[in-house]
Amino acid sequence: EKKNDSWMAINPIPGTFAWGGWKEVQTSSGNEIRLQHLLTLNPLPSNLLIKSVTKLELVVALEMVDDEGIEHFYHHNEKGEVILSEEFDDYQTSYPAFKECSILLSDQGEKFRYQDHQYGENDNRLGGLPVFLQDYHYPDCCDCGRTMPFILQLDSGLLLENGEEQYWGSGGIAHVFWCDGCRVSAMCWVCT
């Protein structure tokens, strides 16, 4: 049970948003695979400054992001849906999905836009500035090479469908970045 005010919806963003579960995704060669669904943003909150899509589906292949500090890239079509290259053709997952639910998003104000990592605080965020546990790192887009802006941060302790919690290493944080020109998302994580 979360007790501090970082978990209360102070200024809710209109809408409810899909979190967790599975996403069936087709690879470029036509194979269909299952990836862990993170979040579908529909509508897109205006603070993200994403203009190339009207909605955005974020997924992750948890086995592939098992190494700290390594970015994994996902391409998206004009609808914001994930499209995968043939490198995913043989991908199978044994990891569970995040617990599926609808979530509310809220602007928590200045106090939580620029914060350092504090155990017990809510370090999950959409937009704003990321909390970096080690050196600052913004990945370069795999297509155009430009630095990718931050869009999402996920703290350890997120509930999985099997009742366990997802830890990024020993209690780290995962970051998601976005290249609007190429419609590419990237995910990586670091721990203390």
N, C-alpha and C. Protein backbone atom coordinates (compact mmCIF):
# COMPACT_ATOMS: atom_id res chain seq x y z
N GLU A 1 0.84 -1.18 0.00
CA GLU A 1 0.00 0.00 0.00
C GLU A 1 0.88 1.24 0.00
N LYS A 2 0.63 2.13 -0.92
CA LYS A 2 1.42 3.34 -1.06
C LYS A 2 0.80 4.44 -0.21
N LYS A 3 1.60 5.12 0.59
CA LYS A 3 1.08 6.09 1.55
C LYS A 3 1.42 7.54 1.25
N ASN A 4 2.50 7.82 0.51
CA ASN A 4 2.88 9.22 0.37
C ASN A 4 2.08 9.91 -0.74
N ASP A 5 2.14 11.25 -0.76
CA ASP A 5 1.30 12.01 -1.68
C ASP A 5 1.71 11.89 -3.14
N SER A 6 2.83 11.26 -3.43
CA SER A 6 3.21 11.07 -4.82
C SER A 6 2.32 10.04 -5.51
N TRP A 7 1.53 9.29 -4.77
CA TRP A 7 0.65 8.28 -5.34
C TRP A 7 -0.79 8.78 -5.49
N MET A 8 -1.09 10.01 -5.07
CA MET A 8 -2.45 10.55 -5.17
C MET A 8 -2.60 11.34 -6.47
N ALA A 9 -3.76 11.22 -7.10
CA ALA A 9 -4.02 11.96 -8.35
C ALA A 9 -4.38 13.40 -8.02
N ILE A 10 -3.43 14.30 -8.20
CA ILE A 10 -3.64 15.71 -7.87
C ILE A 10 -4.36 16.43 -9.00
N ASN A 11 -3.84 16.35 -10.22
CA ASN A 11 -4.45 16.96 -11.40
C ASN A 11 -4.58 15.90 -12.48
N PRO A 12 -5.65 15.06 -12.43
CA PRO A 12 -5.76 13.95 -13.39
C PRO A 12 -5.79 14.42 -14.84
N ILE A 13 -5.09 13.66 -15.69
CA ILE A 13 -5.11 13.88 -17.13
C ILE A 13 -6.35 13.15 -17.66
N PRO A 14 -7.16 13.79 -18.51
CA PRO A 14 -8.39 13.15 -18.99
C PRO A 14 -8.13 11.79 -19.63
N GLY A 15 -8.99 10.84 -19.32
CA GLY A 15 -8.93 9.51 -19.91
C GLY A 15 -8.40 8.47 -18.94
N THR A 16 -8.58 7.23 -19.31
CA THR A 16 -7.94 6.12 -18.62
C THR A 16 -7.05 5.45 -19.65
N PHE A 17 -5.98 4.86 -19.19
CA PHE A 17 -4.94 4.36 -20.07
C PHE A 17 -4.69 2.89 -19.78
N ALA A 18 -4.47 2.10 -20.84
CA ALA A 18 -4.25 0.65 -20.70
C ALA A 18 -2.82 0.38 -20.28
N TRP A 19 -2.66 -0.45 -19.26
CA TRP A 19 -1.36 -0.84 -18.72
C TRP A 19 -1.29 -2.35 -18.65
N GLY A 20 -0.14 -2.91 -18.97
CA GLY A 20 0.14 -4.32 -18.74
C GLY A 20 -0.55 -5.27 -19.70
N GLY A 21 -0.43 -6.55 -19.37
CA GLY A 21 -0.97 -7.61 -20.21
C GLY A 21 -0.04 -7.91 -21.37
N TRP A 22 -0.62 -8.51 -22.39
CA TRP A 22 0.15 -8.94 -23.56
C TRP A 22 -0.27 -8.16 -24.78
N LYS A 23 0.65 -8.03 -25.71
CA LYS A 23 0.36 -7.40 -27.00
C LYS A 23 0.84 -8.36 -28.09
N GLU A 24 -0.10 -8.75 -28.95
CA GLU A 24 0.26 -9.57 -30.13
C GLU A 24 0.80 -8.63 -31.18
N VAL A 25 2.03 -8.89 -31.64
CA VAL A 25 2.70 -8.01 -32.60
C VAL A 25 3.20 -8.84 -33.77
N GLN A 26 3.03 -8.31 -34.97
CA GLN A 26 3.49 -9.01 -36.16
C GLN A 26 4.88 -8.50 -36.55
N THR A 27 5.75 -9.45 -36.91
CA THR A 27 7.08 -9.08 -37.38
C THR A 27 7.00 -8.74 -38.87
N SER A 28 8.05 -8.15 -39.40
CA SER A 28 8.06 -7.74 -40.82
C SER A 28 7.96 -8.95 -41.75
N SER A 29 8.29 -10.15 -41.28
CA SER A 29 8.16 -11.34 -42.13
C SER A 29 6.82 -12.05 -41.92
N GLY A 30 5.93 -11.46 -41.11
CA GLY A 30 4.58 -12.01 -40.97
C GLY A 30 4.35 -12.89 -39.75
N ASN A 31 5.39 -13.21 -38.98
CA ASN A 31 5.20 -14.01 -37.78
C ASN A 31 4.55 -13.17 -36.69
N GLU A 32 3.66 -13.79 -35.91
CA GLU A 32 3.03 -13.08 -34.81
C GLU A 32 3.63 -13.56 -33.49
N ILE A 33 4.05 -12.60 -32.66
CA ILE A 33 4.65 -12.94 -31.37
C ILE A 33 3.98 -12.13 -30.27
N ARG A 34 4.19 -12.57 -29.02
CA ARG A 34 3.65 -11.86 -27.87
C ARG A 34 4.76 -11.10 -27.16
N LEU A 35 4.49 -9.83 -26.88
CA LEU A 35 5.40 -9.02 -26.09
C LEU A 35 4.66 -8.49 -24.87
N GLN A 36 5.41 -8.16 -23.83
CA GLN A 36 4.82 -7.57 -22.65
C GLN A 36 4.38 -6.14 -22.99
N HIS A 37 3.11 -5.86 -22.77
CA HIS A 37 2.56 -4.52 -23.02
C HIS A 37 2.88 -3.65 -21.81
N LEU A 38 3.44 -2.48 -22.07
CA LEU A 38 3.68 -1.52 -21.00
C LEU A 38 2.49 -0.59 -20.86
N LEU A 39 2.27 0.24 -21.87
CA LEU A 39 1.30 1.31 -21.75
C LEU A 39 0.80 1.72 -23.12
N THR A 40 -0.49 1.95 -23.25
CA THR A 40 -1.04 2.56 -24.45
C THR A 40 -1.54 3.95 -24.07
N LEU A 41 -1.00 4.94 -24.74
CA LEU A 41 -1.38 6.33 -24.51
C LEU A 41 -2.34 6.75 -25.62
N ASN A 42 -3.63 6.79 -25.29
CA ASN A 42 -4.66 7.16 -26.25
C ASN A 42 -5.80 7.83 -25.49
N PRO A 43 -5.83 9.16 -25.48
CA PRO A 43 -5.04 10.09 -26.29
C PRO A 43 -3.66 10.31 -25.69
N LEU A 44 -2.80 10.90 -26.50
CA LEU A 44 -1.46 11.26 -26.03
C LEU A 44 -1.53 12.51 -25.16
N PRO A 45 -0.98 12.46 -23.95
CA PRO A 45 -0.92 13.70 -23.15
C PRO A 45 -0.07 14.76 -23.86
N SER A 46 -0.52 15.99 -23.84
CA SER A 46 0.12 17.06 -24.61
C SER A 46 1.53 17.38 -24.12
N ASN A 47 1.85 17.07 -22.87
CA ASN A 47 3.19 17.41 -22.36
C ASN A 47 4.29 16.57 -22.99
N LEU A 48 3.96 15.53 -23.72
CA LEU A 48 4.99 14.68 -24.32
C LEU A 48 5.55 15.23 -25.62
N LEU A 49 4.87 16.17 -26.23
CA LEU A 49 5.32 16.80 -27.48
C LEU A 49 5.57 15.78 -28.59
N ILE A 50 4.73 14.76 -28.65
CA ILE A 50 4.78 13.76 -29.72
C ILE A 50 3.78 14.18 -30.78
N LYS A 51 4.26 14.38 -32.01
CA LYS A 51 3.41 14.88 -33.09
C LYS A 51 3.21 13.88 -34.23
N SER A 52 4.05 12.85 -34.32
CA SER A 52 4.01 11.95 -35.48
C SER A 52 2.94 10.86 -35.38
N VAL A 53 2.36 10.67 -34.19
CA VAL A 53 1.29 9.69 -33.99
C VAL A 53 0.23 10.32 -33.09
N THR A 54 -0.99 9.77 -33.13
CA THR A 54 -2.05 10.28 -32.26
C THR A 54 -2.26 9.40 -31.04
N LYS A 55 -1.73 8.19 -31.09
CA LYS A 55 -1.69 7.31 -29.92
C LYS A 55 -0.35 6.59 -29.94
N LEU A 56 0.03 6.01 -28.82
CA LEU A 56 1.32 5.32 -28.77
C LEU A 56 1.21 4.08 -27.91
N GLU A 57 1.57 2.94 -28.50
CA GLU A 57 1.63 1.67 -27.77
C GLU A 57 3.09 1.38 -27.43
N LEU A 58 3.36 1.17 -26.16
CA LEU A 58 4.71 0.84 -25.71
C LEU A 58 4.74 -0.59 -25.22
N VAL A 59 5.68 -1.36 -25.75
CA VAL A 59 5.84 -2.77 -25.39
C VAL A 59 7.29 -3.01 -25.02
N VAL A 60 7.54 -4.20 -24.47
CA VAL A 60 8.91 -4.58 -24.15
C VAL A 60 9.05 -6.10 -24.27
N ALA A 61 10.21 -6.52 -24.74
CA ALA A 61 10.59 -7.93 -24.71
C ALA A 61 11.49 -8.07 -23.47
N LEU A 62 10.89 -8.45 -22.33
CA LEU A 62 11.63 -8.40 -21.07
C LEU A 62 12.93 -9.20 -21.09
N GLU A 63 12.94 -10.35 -21.78
CA GLU A 63 14.20 -11.11 -21.85
C GLU A 63 15.30 -10.32 -22.56
N MET A 64 14.91 -9.52 -23.53
CA MET A 64 15.91 -8.78 -24.31
C MET A 64 16.45 -7.56 -23.56
N VAL A 65 15.69 -7.05 -22.61
CA VAL A 65 16.18 -5.90 -21.84
C VAL A 65 16.75 -6.36 -20.50
N ASP A 66 17.20 -7.60 -20.46
CA ASP A 66 17.72 -8.18 -19.22
C ASP A 66 19.11 -7.64 -18.87
N ASP A 67 19.78 -6.99 -19.79
CA ASP A 67 21.12 -6.46 -19.53
C ASP A 67 21.06 -4.97 -19.24
N GLU A 68 21.69 -4.57 -18.16
CA GLU A 68 21.68 -3.18 -17.73
C GLU A 68 22.36 -2.26 -18.75
N GLY A 69 21.72 -1.12 -19.01
CA GLY A 69 22.32 -0.08 -19.84
C GLY A 69 22.29 -0.31 -21.33
N ILE A 70 21.70 -1.42 -21.79
CA ILE A 70 21.63 -1.72 -23.23
C ILE A 70 20.26 -1.27 -23.74
N GLU A 71 20.25 -0.40 -24.76
CA GLU A 71 18.98 0.06 -25.32
C GLU A 71 18.41 -1.00 -26.25
N HIS A 72 17.08 -1.08 -26.24
CA HIS A 72 16.36 -1.93 -27.19
C HIS A 72 15.35 -1.05 -27.89
N PHE A 73 15.31 -1.13 -29.22
CA PHE A 73 14.54 -0.22 -30.03
C PHE A 73 13.32 -0.92 -30.62
N TYR A 74 12.23 -0.16 -30.72
CA TYR A 74 10.97 -0.66 -31.28
C TYR A 74 10.45 0.38 -32.26
N HIS A 75 10.17 -0.05 -33.49
CA HIS A 75 9.60 0.84 -34.50
C HIS A 75 8.08 0.87 -34.37
N HIS A 76 7.49 1.98 -34.80
CA HIS A 76 6.03 2.16 -34.71
C HIS A 76 5.52 2.65 -36.06
N ASN A 77 4.30 2.25 -36.40
CA ASN A 77 3.69 2.73 -37.63
C ASN A 77 3.01 4.08 -37.38
N GLU A 78 2.33 4.61 -38.41
CA GLU A 78 1.70 5.93 -38.29
C GLU A 78 0.54 5.94 -37.29
N LYS A 79 0.06 4.75 -36.88
CA LYS A 79 -0.99 4.66 -35.85
C LYS A 79 -0.41 4.53 -34.45
N GLY A 80 0.93 4.51 -34.34
CA GLY A 80 1.57 4.35 -33.03
C GLY A 80 1.71 2.92 -32.58
N GLU A 81 1.35 1.97 -33.45
CA GLU A 81 1.44 0.55 -33.11
C GLU A 81 2.86 0.04 -33.38
N VAL A 82 3.28 -0.94 -32.60
CA VAL A 82 4.62 -1.49 -32.75
C VAL A 82 4.70 -2.37 -33.99
N ILE A 83 5.77 -2.21 -34.75
CA ILE A 83 6.09 -3.10 -35.86
C ILE A 83 7.51 -3.61 -35.61
N LEU A 84 7.70 -4.88 -35.80
CA LEU A 84 8.97 -5.51 -35.44
C LEU A 84 9.72 -6.02 -36.66
N SER A 85 11.04 -5.98 -36.56
CA SER A 85 11.88 -6.52 -37.63
C SER A 85 11.96 -8.04 -37.49
N GLU A 86 12.57 -8.66 -38.50
CA GLU A 86 12.71 -10.12 -38.50
C GLU A 86 13.58 -10.63 -37.36
N GLU A 87 14.35 -9.76 -36.70
CA GLU A 87 15.16 -10.22 -35.57
C GLU A 87 14.29 -10.80 -34.45
N PHE A 88 13.00 -10.47 -34.45
CA PHE A 88 12.08 -10.98 -33.43
C PHE A 88 11.39 -12.27 -33.86
N ASP A 89 11.64 -12.77 -35.09
CA ASP A 89 10.91 -13.92 -35.61
C ASP A 89 10.91 -15.12 -34.68
N ASP A 90 12.02 -15.40 -34.04
CA ASP A 90 12.12 -16.59 -33.19
C ASP A 90 11.96 -16.27 -31.71
N TYR A 91 11.55 -15.05 -31.39
CA TYR A 91 11.43 -14.63 -30.00
C TYR A 91 10.26 -15.34 -29.32
N GLN A 92 10.54 -15.92 -28.18
CA GLN A 92 9.51 -16.51 -27.32
C GLN A 92 9.81 -16.06 -25.90
N THR A 93 8.78 -15.82 -25.15
CA THR A 93 8.97 -15.31 -23.81
C THR A 93 8.58 -16.33 -22.75
N SER A 94 9.35 -16.37 -21.69
CA SER A 94 8.98 -17.16 -20.52
C SER A 94 8.69 -16.23 -19.33
N TYR A 95 8.96 -14.94 -19.53
CA TYR A 95 8.70 -13.95 -18.48
C TYR A 95 7.20 -13.64 -18.43
N PRO A 96 6.68 -13.32 -17.27
CA PRO A 96 5.27 -12.94 -17.18
C PRO A 96 5.06 -11.51 -17.68
N ALA A 97 3.81 -11.19 -17.97
CA ALA A 97 3.44 -9.82 -18.35
C ALA A 97 3.22 -8.99 -17.09
N PHE A 98 3.19 -7.69 -17.26
CA PHE A 98 2.78 -6.82 -16.16
C PHE A 98 1.29 -7.03 -15.92
N LYS A 99 0.86 -6.88 -14.69
CA LYS A 99 -0.55 -7.04 -14.34
C LYS A 99 -1.38 -6.06 -15.16
N GLU A 100 -2.37 -6.58 -15.87
CA GLU A 100 -3.18 -5.76 -16.75
C GLU A 100 -4.21 -4.96 -15.97
N CYS A 101 -4.33 -3.69 -16.29
CA CYS A 101 -5.31 -2.83 -15.63
C CYS A 101 -5.44 -1.53 -16.41
N SER A 102 -6.39 -0.72 -16.03
CA SER A 102 -6.50 0.65 -16.53
C SER A 102 -5.91 1.56 -15.47
N ILE A 103 -5.18 2.57 -15.90
CA ILE A 103 -4.56 3.47 -14.94
C ILE A 103 -4.98 4.91 -15.22
N LEU A 104 -4.88 5.73 -14.20
CA LEU A 104 -5.06 7.17 -14.33
C LEU A 104 -3.69 7.80 -14.35
N LEU A 105 -3.56 8.87 -15.10
CA LEU A 105 -2.33 9.65 -15.11
C LEU A 105 -2.66 11.01 -14.52
N SER A 106 -1.70 11.59 -13.82
CA SER A 106 -1.94 12.85 -13.15
C SER A 106 -0.71 13.73 -13.18
N ASP A 107 -0.93 15.02 -13.37
CA ASP A 107 0.14 16.00 -13.25
C ASP A 107 0.31 16.28 -11.76
N GLN A 108 1.42 15.88 -11.20
CA GLN A 108 1.64 16.01 -9.76
C GLN A 108 2.26 17.34 -9.38
N GLY A 109 2.47 18.22 -10.33
CA GLY A 109 2.99 19.54 -10.02
C GLY A 109 4.51 19.58 -9.94
N GLU A 110 5.00 20.77 -9.68
CA GLU A 110 6.45 21.03 -9.66
C GLU A 110 7.22 20.11 -8.71
N LYS A 111 6.65 19.83 -7.56
CA LYS A 111 7.35 19.04 -6.54
C LYS A 111 7.86 17.72 -7.09
N PHE A 112 7.11 17.11 -8.01
CA PHE A 112 7.49 15.80 -8.51
C PHE A 112 8.06 15.82 -9.92
N ARG A 113 8.14 16.97 -10.56
CA ARG A 113 8.71 17.05 -11.90
C ARG A 113 10.23 16.91 -11.89
N TYR A 114 10.84 17.40 -10.87
CA TYR A 114 12.31 17.41 -10.77
C TYR A 114 12.69 16.83 -9.42
N GLN A 115 12.80 15.52 -9.34
CA GLN A 115 13.12 14.91 -8.06
C GLN A 115 14.26 13.92 -8.20
N ASP A 116 14.98 13.73 -7.12
CA ASP A 116 16.01 12.71 -7.05
C ASP A 116 15.37 11.40 -6.63
N HIS A 117 16.09 10.31 -6.84
CA HIS A 117 15.59 9.00 -6.46
C HIS A 117 15.57 8.87 -4.93
N GLN A 118 14.44 8.54 -4.40
CA GLN A 118 14.28 8.29 -2.98
C GLN A 118 13.53 6.98 -2.83
N TYR A 119 14.08 6.01 -2.12
CA TYR A 119 13.37 4.75 -1.92
C TYR A 119 12.05 5.03 -1.21
N GLY A 120 10.98 4.40 -1.71
CA GLY A 120 9.67 4.59 -1.13
C GLY A 120 8.87 5.68 -1.83
N GLU A 121 9.53 6.51 -2.61
CA GLU A 121 8.82 7.54 -3.39
C GLU A 121 8.33 6.91 -4.69
N ASN A 122 7.41 7.58 -5.33
CA ASN A 122 6.89 7.14 -6.62
C ASN A 122 7.81 7.69 -7.71
N ASP A 123 8.67 6.86 -8.24
CA ASP A 123 9.58 7.27 -9.30
C ASP A 123 9.04 6.96 -10.69
N ASN A 124 7.79 6.51 -10.79
CA ASN A 124 7.16 6.31 -12.10
C ASN A 124 6.74 7.67 -12.62
N ARG A 125 7.01 7.94 -13.89
CA ARG A 125 6.60 9.23 -14.44
C ARG A 125 6.48 9.17 -15.95
N LEU A 126 5.63 10.04 -16.45
CA LEU A 126 5.42 10.21 -17.88
C LEU A 126 5.78 11.65 -18.19
N GLY A 127 6.81 11.84 -19.01
CA GLY A 127 7.27 13.18 -19.33
C GLY A 127 8.10 13.78 -18.20
N GLY A 128 8.41 15.03 -18.34
CA GLY A 128 9.26 15.69 -17.34
C GLY A 128 10.71 15.28 -17.55
N LEU A 129 11.45 15.25 -16.46
CA LEU A 129 12.86 14.85 -16.51
C LEU A 129 13.02 13.49 -15.83
N PRO A 130 13.86 12.63 -16.40
CA PRO A 130 14.09 11.33 -15.77
C PRO A 130 14.97 11.43 -14.54
N VAL A 131 14.85 10.45 -13.67
CA VAL A 131 15.78 10.28 -12.56
C VAL A 131 16.84 9.30 -13.05
N PHE A 132 18.08 9.74 -13.11
CA PHE A 132 19.17 8.86 -13.51
C PHE A 132 19.89 8.39 -12.26
N LEU A 133 20.01 7.09 -12.09
CA LEU A 133 20.69 6.54 -10.92
C LEU A 133 22.20 6.53 -11.09
N GLN A 134 22.65 6.58 -12.32
CA GLN A 134 24.07 6.64 -12.61
C GLN A 134 24.29 7.86 -13.51
N ASP A 135 25.18 7.77 -14.45
CA ASP A 135 25.42 8.90 -15.37
C ASP A 135 24.19 9.14 -16.24
N TYR A 136 24.03 10.41 -16.63
CA TYR A 136 22.96 10.76 -17.57
C TYR A 136 23.20 10.03 -18.88
N HIS A 137 22.12 9.47 -19.44
CA HIS A 137 22.26 8.78 -20.71
C HIS A 137 20.96 8.89 -21.50
N TYR A 138 21.03 9.58 -22.63
CA TYR A 138 19.93 9.64 -23.59
C TYR A 138 20.42 8.90 -24.83
N PRO A 139 19.74 7.84 -25.24
CA PRO A 139 20.23 7.07 -26.40
C PRO A 139 20.06 7.85 -27.70
N ASP A 140 20.84 7.44 -28.69
CA ASP A 140 20.71 7.96 -30.05
C ASP A 140 19.76 7.04 -30.81
N CYS A 141 18.90 7.62 -31.61
CA CYS A 141 17.95 6.85 -32.41
C CYS A 141 18.71 5.88 -33.32
N CYS A 142 18.22 4.66 -33.41
CA CYS A 142 18.86 3.63 -34.25
C CYS A 142 18.70 3.93 -35.73
N ASP A 143 17.77 4.82 -36.10
CA ASP A 143 17.56 5.14 -37.52
C ASP A 143 18.29 6.42 -37.93
N CYS A 144 18.07 7.52 -37.22
CA CYS A 144 18.62 8.82 -37.65
C CYS A 144 19.85 9.26 -36.86
N GLY A 145 20.11 8.63 -35.72
CA GLY A 145 21.28 8.97 -34.91
C GLY A 145 21.11 10.17 -34.00
N ARG A 146 19.92 10.82 -34.01
CA ARG A 146 19.69 11.96 -33.13
C ARG A 146 19.41 11.48 -31.70
N THR A 147 19.75 12.33 -30.74
CA THR A 147 19.47 12.03 -29.33
C THR A 147 17.96 11.96 -29.12
N MET A 148 17.53 10.93 -28.42
CA MET A 148 16.10 10.68 -28.21
C MET A 148 15.63 11.32 -26.90
N PRO A 149 14.55 12.09 -26.93
CA PRO A 149 14.00 12.66 -25.70
C PRO A 149 13.36 11.59 -24.82
N PHE A 150 13.37 11.84 -23.54
CA PHE A 150 12.75 10.97 -22.53
C PHE A 150 11.23 11.12 -22.56
N ILE A 151 10.50 9.99 -22.42
CA ILE A 151 9.04 10.08 -22.31
C ILE A 151 8.46 9.33 -21.11
N LEU A 152 9.13 8.27 -20.61
CA LEU A 152 8.52 7.45 -19.57
C LEU A 152 9.58 6.85 -18.67
N GLN A 153 9.28 6.79 -17.38
CA GLN A 153 10.17 6.17 -16.40
C GLN A 153 9.37 5.20 -15.56
N LEU A 154 9.92 4.00 -15.34
CA LEU A 154 9.26 2.97 -14.56
C LEU A 154 10.17 2.52 -13.43
N ASP A 155 9.68 2.61 -12.22
CA ASP A 155 10.42 2.21 -11.05
C ASP A 155 10.32 0.70 -10.86
N SER A 156 11.20 0.12 -10.10
CA SER A 156 11.09 -1.28 -9.71
C SER A 156 9.87 -1.46 -8.81
N GLY A 157 9.40 -2.70 -8.74
CA GLY A 157 8.29 -3.01 -7.87
C GLY A 157 6.94 -3.04 -8.56
N LEU A 158 6.92 -2.94 -9.90
CA LEU A 158 5.66 -3.01 -10.63
C LEU A 158 5.12 -4.43 -10.60
N LEU A 159 3.84 -4.57 -10.39
CA LEU A 159 3.21 -5.88 -10.22
C LEU A 159 3.12 -6.63 -11.54
N LEU A 160 3.50 -7.91 -11.50
CA LEU A 160 3.40 -8.81 -12.65
C LEU A 160 2.15 -9.67 -12.52
N GLU A 161 1.73 -10.28 -13.61
CA GLU A 161 0.49 -11.07 -13.60
C GLU A 161 0.57 -12.30 -12.68
N ASN A 162 1.78 -12.76 -12.37
CA ASN A 162 1.93 -13.92 -11.49
C ASN A 162 2.01 -13.54 -10.01
N GLY A 163 1.82 -12.25 -9.70
CA GLY A 163 1.84 -11.79 -8.32
C GLY A 163 3.20 -11.32 -7.84
N GLU A 164 4.25 -11.59 -8.62
CA GLU A 164 5.59 -11.11 -8.26
C GLU A 164 5.75 -9.66 -8.72
N GLU A 165 6.89 -9.06 -8.41
CA GLU A 165 7.16 -7.69 -8.81
C GLU A 165 8.34 -7.66 -9.78
N GLN A 166 8.29 -6.72 -10.72
CA GLN A 166 9.38 -6.53 -11.68
C GLN A 166 10.44 -5.64 -11.07
N TYR A 167 11.65 -6.15 -10.99
CA TYR A 167 12.78 -5.35 -10.53
C TYR A 167 13.75 -5.18 -11.68
N TRP A 168 14.17 -3.96 -11.88
CA TRP A 168 15.19 -3.66 -12.88
C TRP A 168 16.52 -3.81 -12.17
N GLY A 169 17.14 -4.98 -12.31
CA GLY A 169 18.36 -5.27 -11.56
C GLY A 169 18.02 -5.41 -10.09
N SER A 170 18.74 -4.68 -9.25
CA SER A 170 18.55 -4.78 -7.79
C SER A 170 17.69 -3.64 -7.25
N GLY A 171 16.77 -3.16 -8.06
CA GLY A 171 15.91 -2.07 -7.61
C GLY A 171 16.13 -0.81 -8.40
N GLY A 172 16.40 -0.95 -9.69
CA GLY A 172 16.69 0.20 -10.53
C GLY A 172 15.46 0.81 -11.17
N ILE A 173 15.71 1.56 -12.22
CA ILE A 173 14.67 2.29 -12.94
C ILE A 173 14.84 2.04 -14.43
N ALA A 174 13.70 1.84 -15.13
CA ALA A 174 13.71 1.71 -16.59
C ALA A 174 13.28 3.04 -17.21
N HIS A 175 13.88 3.37 -18.34
CA HIS A 175 13.55 4.60 -19.07
C HIS A 175 13.11 4.25 -20.49
N VAL A 176 12.13 5.02 -20.98
CA VAL A 176 11.68 4.89 -22.37
C VAL A 176 11.90 6.24 -23.03
N PHE A 177 12.43 6.21 -24.25
CA PHE A 177 12.74 7.41 -25.02
C PHE A 177 12.02 7.32 -26.37
N TRP A 178 11.89 8.46 -27.07
CA TRP A 178 11.11 8.49 -28.31
C TRP A 178 11.76 9.40 -29.34
N CYS A 179 11.87 8.91 -30.57
CA CYS A 179 12.28 9.73 -31.70
C CYS A 179 11.04 9.99 -32.53
N ASP A 180 10.56 11.23 -32.53
CA ASP A 180 9.31 11.56 -33.21
C ASP A 180 9.45 11.50 -34.72
N GLY A 181 10.60 11.89 -35.26
CA GLY A 181 10.80 11.87 -36.70
C GLY A 181 10.81 10.46 -37.28
N CYS A 182 11.35 9.51 -36.54
CA CYS A 182 11.46 8.13 -37.03
C CYS A 182 10.39 7.20 -36.46
N ARG A 183 9.63 7.67 -35.49
CA ARG A 183 8.63 6.86 -34.78
C ARG A 183 9.30 5.60 -34.20
N VAL A 184 10.32 5.84 -33.39
CA VAL A 184 11.07 4.77 -32.73
C VAL A 184 11.07 5.02 -31.23
N SER A 185 10.75 3.96 -30.46
CA SER A 185 10.89 4.02 -29.01
C SER A 185 12.12 3.19 -28.61
N ALA A 186 12.72 3.56 -27.50
CA ALA A 186 13.87 2.81 -26.98
C ALA A 186 13.67 2.64 -25.48
N MET A 187 14.09 1.49 -24.98
CA MET A 187 13.99 1.22 -23.55
C MET A 187 15.32 0.69 -23.05
N CYS A 188 15.69 1.15 -21.85
CA CYS A 188 16.86 0.60 -21.16
C CYS A 188 16.66 0.83 -19.65
N TRP A 189 17.44 0.16 -18.85
CA TRP A 189 17.31 0.33 -17.40
C TRP A 189 18.69 0.39 -16.77
N VAL A 190 18.73 1.00 -15.59
CA VAL A 190 19.94 1.04 -14.77
C VAL A 190 19.55 0.82 -13.32
N CYS A 191 20.49 0.33 -12.53
CA CYS A 191 20.24 0.18 -11.10
C CYS A 191 21.36 0.82 -10.32
N THR A 192 21.19 0.88 -9.01
CA THR A 192 22.18 1.56 -8.16
C THR A 192 23.43 0.73 -8.01
